[in-house]
Amino acid sequence: MPKIGSRKQPRVVSRTCWTPGESKSMAFTYSTNSKRYHDTTTGKFVGRVEVRKQLDDVIDVSADRMKSWTSDLIGNTYTIEEWQSLMAEEVRMLHMSMAAAANGGWDAMSTGNWSRVENYLNYQYDRLEGFAEEIFTGEQVTNGTMLYRATLYAESARATYEGERFFLEKSAGSTQEMNILGGSDHCVDCQRASEAGWVSIGTLIPIGSRACQAKCHCTIIYRTGPKDTLGSEIESF
């Protein structure tokens, strides 16, 4: 199989980023007391699942970009260097945005937050480097699997968002967590996590590390202690 493009070090290109409150269609602001977003028009809290849905929409758009760039790479519109640069910058901005969204916005990001984001990104950059190398050598076949693999770099951002929420909740004193199944097919790890109900924080397999990996659409909710009923807690997320 012929090699696609050239193999050089990636360069950095500039892209925009997003967190709740930065979209005209989502006038959200963040409350540091409740660790929740609320609608600036109605004053009501925005459900955590609704926030995740909006973030998923952003991830889907990013995945479409990555798929399109990869298709263009296959068609020799881009060199590997250009493709890798586009992918790396998209990964950078997407994961930074997800971390900021989890913590309440860019101004809320601490040194510790950014340090974790750097770790997330370095892991993704290493995987992207391996992906590019396999494309260059021909080990990665230029077909639908290559397009699918490219989209996983966007899908992986859910784990960054959920990971940052875990650290935020734990530092704020939450002691229990519960898995909420997403709207897609569920792997055995996600099913077992949901069946467990409320458990001690840190018990559940982190989102992104389960059998479904980057495709996980679950979310985890937290609380500081047992409630009289699960209903009121579930309705509030």
C-alpha atoms as a PDB file:
ATOM      1  CA  MET A   1       0.000   0.000   0.000  1.00  0.00           C
ATOM      2  CA  PRO A   2       1.401   3.438  -0.879  1.00  0.00           C
ATOM      3  CA  LYS A   3       2.293   5.760   1.942  1.00  0.00           C
ATOM      4  CA  ILE A   4       0.111   8.823   2.468  1.00  0.00           C
ATOM      5  CA  GLY A   5       1.761  12.244   2.471  1.00  0.00           C
ATOM      6  CA  SER A   6       4.921  12.883   4.466  1.00  0.00           C
ATOM      7  CA  ARG A   7       6.034  12.121   8.000  1.00  0.00           C
ATOM      8  CA  LYS A   8       7.135  15.183   9.995  1.00  0.00           C
ATOM      9  CA  GLN A   9       6.654  16.668  13.443  1.00  0.00           C
ATOM     10  CA  PRO A  10       3.193  18.223  13.941  1.00  0.00           C
ATOM     11  CA  ARG A  11       2.788  21.987  14.007  1.00  0.00           C
ATOM     12  CA  VAL A  12       0.254  23.900  16.099  1.00  0.00           C
ATOM     13  CA  VAL A  13      -2.776  25.537  14.517  1.00  0.00           C
ATOM     14  CA  SER A  14      -5.376  27.697  16.226  1.00  0.00           C
ATOM     15  CA  ARG A  15      -8.974  26.654  16.874  1.00  0.00           C
ATOM     16  CA  THR A  16     -11.797  27.913  19.043  1.00  0.00           C
ATOM     17  CA  CYS A  17     -13.036  26.190  22.192  1.00  0.00           C
ATOM     18  CA  TRP A  18     -16.276  25.952  24.134  1.00  0.00           C
ATOM     19  CA  THR A  19     -17.674  25.594  27.640  1.00  0.00           C
ATOM     20  CA  PRO A  20     -21.243  26.054  28.942  1.00  0.00           C
ATOM     21  CA  GLY A  21     -22.087  29.736  28.972  1.00  0.00           C
ATOM     22  CA  GLU A  22     -20.077  30.482  25.814  1.00  0.00           C
ATOM     23  CA  SER A  23     -22.864  29.503  23.426  1.00  0.00           C
ATOM     24  CA  LYS A  24     -25.677  31.882  22.534  1.00  0.00           C
ATOM     25  CA  SER A  25     -28.138  28.990  22.667  1.00  0.00           C
ATOM     26  CA  MET A  26     -27.037  28.016  26.203  1.00  0.00           C
ATOM     27  CA  ALA A  27     -27.002  30.956  28.620  1.00  0.00           C
ATOM     28  CA  PHE A  28     -25.538  29.018  31.544  1.00  0.00           C
ATOM     29  CA  THR A  29     -23.608  30.374  34.500  1.00  0.00           C
ATOM     30  CA  TYR A  30     -21.901  28.342  37.208  1.00  0.00           C
ATOM     31  CA  SER A  31     -22.576  28.361  40.937  1.00  0.00           C
ATOM     32  CA  THR A  32     -19.502  27.500  42.996  1.00  0.00           C
ATOM     33  CA  ASN A  33     -21.671  26.781  46.042  1.00  0.00           C
ATOM     34  CA  SER A  34     -23.794  24.084  44.404  1.00  0.00           C
ATOM     35  CA  LYS A  35     -21.220  23.088  41.761  1.00  0.00           C
ATOM     36  CA  ARG A  36     -24.056  23.373  39.236  1.00  0.00           C
ATOM     37  CA  TYR A  37     -24.853  25.371  36.127  1.00  0.00           C
ATOM     38  CA  HIS A  38     -28.035  27.404  36.073  1.00  0.00           C
ATOM     39  CA  ASP A  39     -30.010  29.009  33.283  1.00  0.00           C
ATOM     40  CA  THR A  40     -29.540  32.775  33.380  1.00  0.00           C
ATOM     41  CA  THR A  41     -32.970  33.284  31.809  1.00  0.00           C
ATOM     42  CA  THR A  42     -35.056  31.140  34.173  1.00  0.00           C
ATOM     43  CA  GLY A  43     -32.728  31.057  37.165  1.00  0.00           C
ATOM     44  CA  LYS A  44     -33.251  27.298  37.425  1.00  0.00           C
ATOM     45  CA  PHE A  45     -30.479  24.749  37.732  1.00  0.00           C
ATOM     46  CA  VAL A  46     -29.578  22.953  34.532  1.00  0.00           C
ATOM     47  CA  GLY A  47     -29.644  19.178  34.960  1.00  0.00           C
ATOM     48  CA  ARG A  48     -26.240  17.525  34.828  1.00  0.00           C
ATOM     49  CA  VAL A  49     -27.483  15.161  32.146  1.00  0.00           C
ATOM     50  CA  GLU A  50     -28.530  18.179  30.060  1.00  0.00           C
ATOM     51  CA  VAL A  51     -25.060  19.672  30.469  1.00  0.00           C
ATOM     52  CA  ARG A  52     -23.563  16.355  29.381  1.00  0.00           C
ATOM     53  CA  LYS A  53     -25.884  16.292  26.386  1.00  0.00           C
ATOM     54  CA  GLN A  54     -24.668  19.721  25.296  1.00  0.00           C
ATOM     55  CA  LEU A  55     -21.065  18.603  25.764  1.00  0.00           C
ATOM     56  CA  ASP A  56     -21.786  15.448  23.764  1.00  0.00           C
ATOM     57  CA  ASP A  57     -23.056  17.640  20.932  1.00  0.00           C
ATOM     58  CA  VAL A  58     -19.723  19.502  20.958  1.00  0.00           C
ATOM     59  CA  ILE A  59     -17.850  16.188  20.954  1.00  0.00           C
ATOM     60  CA  ASP A  60     -19.928  14.956  18.014  1.00  0.00           C
ATOM     61  CA  VAL A  61     -19.059  18.067  15.995  1.00  0.00           C
ATOM     62  CA  SER A  62     -15.391  17.559  16.813  1.00  0.00           C
ATOM     63  CA  ALA A  63     -15.610  13.890  15.812  1.00  0.00           C
ATOM     64  CA  ASP A  64     -17.109  14.915  12.468  1.00  0.00           C
ATOM     65  CA  ARG A  65     -14.191  17.300  11.899  1.00  0.00           C
ATOM     66  CA  MET A  66     -11.667  14.574  12.676  1.00  0.00           C
ATOM     67  CA  LYS A  67     -13.447  12.137  10.382  1.00  0.00           C
ATOM     68  CA  SER A  68     -13.502  14.724   7.588  1.00  0.00           C
ATOM     69  CA  TRP A  69      -9.792  15.522   7.997  1.00  0.00           C
ATOM     70  CA  THR A  70      -8.955  11.833   7.946  1.00  0.00           C
ATOM     71  CA  SER A  71     -11.009  11.342   4.807  1.00  0.00           C
ATOM     72  CA  ASP A  72      -9.092  14.240   3.249  1.00  0.00           C
ATOM     73  CA  LEU A  73      -5.833  12.617   4.335  1.00  0.00           C
ATOM     74  CA  ILE A  74      -6.838   9.417   2.558  1.00  0.00           C
ATOM     75  CA  GLY A  75      -7.610  11.517  -0.508  1.00  0.00           C
ATOM     76  CA  ASN A  76      -4.170  13.184  -0.290  1.00  0.00           C
ATOM     77  CA  THR A  77      -5.606  16.621   0.452  1.00  0.00           C
ATOM     78  CA  TYR A  78      -3.406  16.728   3.569  1.00  0.00           C
ATOM     79  CA  THR A  79       0.017  15.401   4.343  1.00  0.00           C
ATOM     80  CA  ILE A  80       0.374  13.354   7.513  1.00  0.00           C
ATOM     81  CA  GLU A  81       2.083  16.356   9.108  1.00  0.00           C
ATOM     82  CA  GLU A  82      -0.888  18.615   8.343  1.00  0.00           C
ATOM     83  CA  TRP A  83      -3.415  16.014   9.432  1.00  0.00           C
ATOM     84  CA  GLN A  84      -1.619  15.314  12.703  1.00  0.00           C
ATOM     85  CA  SER A  85      -1.398  19.037  13.450  1.00  0.00           C
ATOM     86  CA  LEU A  86      -5.131  19.478  12.919  1.00  0.00           C
ATOM     87  CA  MET A  87      -5.921  16.436  15.046  1.00  0.00           C
ATOM     88  CA  ALA A  88      -3.540  17.407  17.856  1.00  0.00           C
ATOM     89  CA  GLU A  89      -4.893  20.941  18.133  1.00  0.00           C
ATOM     90  CA  GLU A  90      -8.484  19.740  18.074  1.00  0.00           C
ATOM     91  CA  VAL A  91      -7.675  17.234  20.831  1.00  0.00           C
ATOM     92  CA  ARG A  92      -5.972  19.975  22.855  1.00  0.00           C
ATOM     93  CA  MET A  93      -8.835  22.453  22.677  1.00  0.00           C
ATOM     94  CA  LEU A  94     -11.524  19.814  23.180  1.00  0.00           C
ATOM     95  CA  HIS A  95      -9.970  18.288  26.303  1.00  0.00           C
ATOM     96  CA  MET A  96      -9.208  21.716  27.750  1.00  0.00           C
ATOM     97  CA  SER A  97     -12.811  22.757  27.142  1.00  0.00           C
ATOM     98  CA  MET A  98     -14.182  19.607  28.764  1.00  0.00           C
ATOM     99  CA  ALA A  99     -11.998  20.123  31.838  1.00  0.00           C
ATOM    100  CA  ALA A 100     -13.062  23.765  32.104  1.00  0.00           C
ATOM    101  CA  ALA A 101     -16.718  22.795  31.724  1.00  0.00           C
ATOM    102  CA  ALA A 102     -16.398  20.260  34.552  1.00  0.00           C
ATOM    103  CA  ASN A 103     -14.841  22.826  36.882  1.00  0.00           C
ATOM    104  CA  GLY A 104     -17.167  25.730  36.160  1.00  0.00           C
ATOM    105  CA  GLY A 105     -15.278  27.648  33.484  1.00  0.00           C
ATOM    106  CA  TRP A 106     -11.816  28.808  32.503  1.00  0.00           C
ATOM    107  CA  ASP A 107     -11.364  31.097  35.493  1.00  0.00           C
ATOM    108  CA  ALA A 108     -12.049  28.193  37.864  1.00  0.00           C
ATOM    109  CA  MET A 109      -9.179  26.099  36.525  1.00  0.00           C
ATOM    110  CA  SER A 110      -6.395  25.652  39.069  1.00  0.00           C
ATOM    111  CA  THR A 111      -2.783  24.597  38.647  1.00  0.00           C
ATOM    112  CA  GLY A 112      -3.808  21.101  39.694  1.00  0.00           C
ATOM    113  CA  ASN A 113      -6.554  21.041  37.091  1.00  0.00           C
ATOM    114  CA  TRP A 114      -4.184  22.070  34.330  1.00  0.00           C
ATOM    115  CA  SER A 115      -1.624  19.521  35.486  1.00  0.00           C
ATOM    116  CA  ARG A 116      -4.172  16.736  35.069  1.00  0.00           C
ATOM    117  CA  VAL A 117      -5.203  18.115  31.680  1.00  0.00           C
ATOM    118  CA  GLU A 118      -1.559  17.986  30.624  1.00  0.00           C
ATOM    119  CA  ASN A 119      -1.468  14.319  31.600  1.00  0.00           C
ATOM    120  CA  TYR A 120      -4.657  13.611  29.645  1.00  0.00           C
ATOM    121  CA  LEU A 121      -3.237  15.381  26.608  1.00  0.00           C
ATOM    122  CA  ASN A 122       0.159  13.721  26.718  1.00  0.00           C
ATOM    123  CA  TYR A 123      -1.565  10.343  26.697  1.00  0.00           C
ATOM    124  CA  GLN A 124      -3.663  11.330  23.676  1.00  0.00           C
ATOM    125  CA  TYR A 125      -0.665  12.831  21.862  1.00  0.00           C
ATOM    126  CA  ASP A 126       1.275   9.595  22.330  1.00  0.00           C
ATOM    127  CA  ARG A 127      -1.605   7.598  20.886  1.00  0.00           C
ATOM    128  CA  LEU A 128      -1.989  10.040  18.006  1.00  0.00           C
ATOM    129  CA  GLU A 129       1.736   9.759  17.272  1.00  0.00           C
ATOM    130  CA  GLY A 130       1.352   5.988  17.096  1.00  0.00           C
ATOM    131  CA  PHE A 131      -1.691   6.352  14.844  1.00  0.00           C
ATOM    132  CA  ALA A 132       0.224   8.636  12.464  1.00  0.00           C
ATOM    133  CA  GLU A 133       3.169   6.234  12.419  1.00  0.00           C
ATOM    134  CA  GLU A 134       0.900   3.325  11.493  1.00  0.00           C
ATOM    135  CA  ILE A 135      -0.631   5.371   8.688  1.00  0.00           C
ATOM    136  CA  PHE A 136       2.846   6.246   7.394  1.00  0.00           C
ATOM    137  CA  THR A 137       4.069   2.649   7.420  1.00  0.00           C
ATOM    138  CA  GLY A 138       0.834   1.267   5.968  1.00  0.00           C
ATOM    139  CA  GLU A 139       0.038  -0.779   9.077  1.00  0.00           C
ATOM    140  CA  GLN A 140      -3.191   1.206   9.413  1.00  0.00           C
ATOM    141  CA  VAL A 141      -5.417   0.305   6.468  1.00  0.00           C
ATOM    142  CA  THR A 142      -6.968   3.339   4.773  1.00  0.00           C
ATOM    143  CA  ASN A 143     -10.598   2.311   5.054  1.00  0.00           C
ATOM    144  CA  GLY A 144     -13.552   2.786   7.402  1.00  0.00           C
ATOM    145  CA  THR A 145     -11.563   1.578  10.410  1.00  0.00           C
ATOM    146  CA  MET A 146      -9.195   4.499   9.976  1.00  0.00           C
ATOM    147  CA  LEU A 147     -12.103   6.958   9.973  1.00  0.00           C
ATOM    148  CA  TYR A 148     -13.648   5.311  13.029  1.00  0.00           C
ATOM    149  CA  ARG A 149     -10.348   5.324  14.883  1.00  0.00           C
ATOM    150  CA  ALA A 150      -9.943   9.051  14.220  1.00  0.00           C
ATOM    151  CA  THR A 151     -13.291   9.867  15.851  1.00  0.00           C
ATOM    152  CA  LEU A 152     -12.235   8.155  19.074  1.00  0.00           C
ATOM    153  CA  TYR A 153      -9.874  11.061  19.794  1.00  0.00           C
ATOM    154  CA  ALA A 154     -12.951  13.247  20.166  1.00  0.00           C
ATOM    155  CA  GLU A 155     -14.956  10.636  22.048  1.00  0.00           C
ATOM    156  CA  SER A 156     -12.156  10.319  24.615  1.00  0.00           C
ATOM    157  CA  ALA A 157     -12.907  13.838  25.878  1.00  0.00           C
ATOM    158  CA  ARG A 158     -15.877  12.512  27.879  1.00  0.00           C
ATOM    159  CA  ALA A 159     -13.409  10.786  30.175  1.00  0.00           C
ATOM    160  CA  THR A 160     -11.626  14.092  30.761  1.00  0.00           C
ATOM    161  CA  TYR A 161     -14.894  15.801  31.703  1.00  0.00           C
ATOM    162  CA  GLU A 162     -15.975  12.992  34.032  1.00  0.00           C
ATOM    163  CA  GLY A 163     -12.503  12.656  35.518  1.00  0.00           C
ATOM    164  CA  GLU A 164     -12.409  16.345  36.410  1.00  0.00           C
ATOM    165  CA  ARG A 165     -15.884  16.142  37.915  1.00  0.00           C
ATOM    166  CA  PHE A 166     -14.690  13.277  40.118  1.00  0.00           C
ATOM    167  CA  PHE A 167     -11.807  15.331  41.506  1.00  0.00           C
ATOM    168  CA  LEU A 168     -14.072  18.351  41.990  1.00  0.00           C
ATOM    169  CA  GLU A 169     -16.703  16.369  43.866  1.00  0.00           C
ATOM    170  CA  LYS A 170     -14.199  14.508  46.013  1.00  0.00           C
ATOM    171  CA  SER A 171     -12.419  17.694  47.028  1.00  0.00           C
ATOM    172  CA  ALA A 172     -15.788  19.260  47.897  1.00  0.00           C
ATOM    173  CA  GLY A 173     -16.624  16.449  50.325  1.00  0.00           C
ATOM    174  CA  SER A 174     -18.797  14.079  48.296  1.00  0.00           C
ATOM    175  CA  THR A 175     -18.600  10.573  49.717  1.00  0.00           C
ATOM    176  CA  GLN A 176     -20.839   8.557  47.381  1.00  0.00           C
ATOM    177  CA  GLU A 177     -21.273   8.113  43.650  1.00  0.00           C
ATOM    178  CA  MET A 178     -23.776   6.457  41.348  1.00  0.00           C
ATOM    179  CA  ASN A 179     -23.604   5.574  37.668  1.00  0.00           C
ATOM    180  CA  ILE A 180     -26.312   6.785  35.285  1.00  0.00           C
ATOM    181  CA  LEU A 181     -26.514   4.870  32.018  1.00  0.00           C
ATOM    182  CA  GLY A 182     -26.199   6.868  28.816  1.00  0.00           C
ATOM    183  CA  GLY A 183     -28.487   6.621  25.834  1.00  0.00           C
ATOM    184  CA  SER A 184     -26.365   4.231  23.778  1.00  0.00           C
ATOM    185  CA  ASP A 185     -25.634   0.518  24.050  1.00  0.00           C
ATOM    186  CA  HIS A 186     -24.152  -0.424  27.393  1.00  0.00           C
ATOM    187  CA  CYS A 187     -21.135  -2.614  28.065  1.00  0.00           C
ATOM    188  CA  VAL A 188     -21.088  -5.070  30.952  1.00  0.00           C
ATOM    189  CA  ASP A 189     -18.993  -2.694  33.094  1.00  0.00           C
ATOM    190  CA  CYS A 190     -21.556   0.094  32.722  1.00  0.00           C
ATOM    191  CA  GLN A 191     -24.448  -2.237  33.492  1.00  0.00           C
ATOM    192  CA  ARG A 192     -22.750  -3.514  36.632  1.00  0.00           C
ATOM    193  CA  ALA A 193     -21.889   0.010  37.713  1.00  0.00           C
ATOM    194  CA  SER A 194     -25.530   1.083  37.458  1.00  0.00           C
ATOM    195  CA  GLU A 195     -26.791  -2.027  39.216  1.00  0.00           C
ATOM    196  CA  ALA A 196     -24.525  -1.201  42.172  1.00  0.00           C
ATOM    197  CA  GLY A 197     -26.527   1.949  43.006  1.00  0.00           C
ATOM    198  CA  TRP A 198     -24.890   4.348  45.450  1.00  0.00           C
ATOM    199  CA  VAL A 199     -21.365   3.288  46.426  1.00  0.00           C
ATOM    200  CA  SER A 200     -18.392   4.916  48.126  1.00  0.00           C
ATOM    201  CA  ILE A 201     -16.720   7.509  45.928  1.00  0.00           C
ATOM    202  CA  GLY A 202     -13.875   6.016  43.904  1.00  0.00           C
ATOM    203  CA  THR A 203     -15.478   2.537  43.769  1.00  0.00           C
ATOM    204  CA  LEU A 204     -16.778   2.652  40.193  1.00  0.00           C
ATOM    205  CA  ILE A 205     -14.562   2.000  37.194  1.00  0.00           C
ATOM    206  CA  PRO A 206     -13.891   5.466  35.735  1.00  0.00           C
ATOM    207  CA  ILE A 207     -15.703   6.429  32.552  1.00  0.00           C
ATOM    208  CA  GLY A 208     -13.318   5.855  29.673  1.00  0.00           C
ATOM    209  CA  SER A 209     -11.655   2.900  31.407  1.00  0.00           C
ATOM    210  CA  ARG A 210     -14.559   0.482  31.003  1.00  0.00           C
ATOM    211  CA  ALA A 211     -15.044  -2.141  28.311  1.00  0.00           C
ATOM    212  CA  CYS A 212     -16.728   0.433  26.046  1.00  0.00           C
ATOM    213  CA  GLN A 213     -13.728   2.763  26.497  1.00  0.00           C
ATOM    214  CA  ALA A 214     -14.103   6.108  24.706  1.00  0.00           C
ATOM    215  CA  LYS A 215     -17.621   5.231  23.497  1.00  0.00           C
ATOM    216  CA  CYS A 216     -19.044   5.410  27.040  1.00  0.00           C
ATOM    217  CA  HIS A 217     -22.031   7.780  27.337  1.00  0.00           C
ATOM    218  CA  CYS A 218     -22.658   7.213  31.040  1.00  0.00           C
ATOM    219  CA  THR A 219     -22.366   9.919  33.644  1.00  0.00           C
ATOM    220  CA  ILE A 220     -21.691   9.681  37.378  1.00  0.00           C
ATOM    221  CA  ILE A 221     -23.534  11.689  40.022  1.00  0.00           C
ATOM    222  CA  TYR A 222     -22.332  12.359  43.548  1.00  0.00           C
ATOM    223  CA  ARG A 223     -23.641  13.188  47.007  1.00  0.00           C
ATOM    224  CA  THR A 224     -22.228  13.853  50.447  1.00  0.00           C
ATOM    225  CA  GLY A 225     -24.239  11.137  52.182  1.00  0.00           C
ATOM    226  CA  PRO A 226     -27.324   8.888  52.062  1.00  0.00           C
ATOM    227  CA  LYS A 227     -30.710  10.405  51.257  1.00  0.00           C
ATOM    228  CA  ASP A 228     -34.109   9.246  52.478  1.00  0.00           C
ATOM    229  CA  THR A 229     -35.095   8.338  48.918  1.00  0.00           C
ATOM    230  CA  LEU A 230     -33.182   7.934  45.683  1.00  0.00           C
ATOM    231  CA  GLY A 231     -35.933   9.672  43.733  1.00  0.00           C
ATOM    232  CA  SER A 232     -35.272  13.184  44.958  1.00  0.00           C
ATOM    233  CA  GLU A 233     -31.552  12.781  44.390  1.00  0.00           C
ATOM    234  CA  ILE A 234     -31.959  11.364  40.908  1.00  0.00           C
ATOM    235  CA  GLU A 235     -34.434  14.044  39.867  1.00  0.00           C
ATOM    236  CA  SER A 236     -31.996  16.750  40.865  1.00  0.00           C
ATOM    237  CA  PHE A 237     -29.092  15.680  38.670  1.00  0.00           C
END
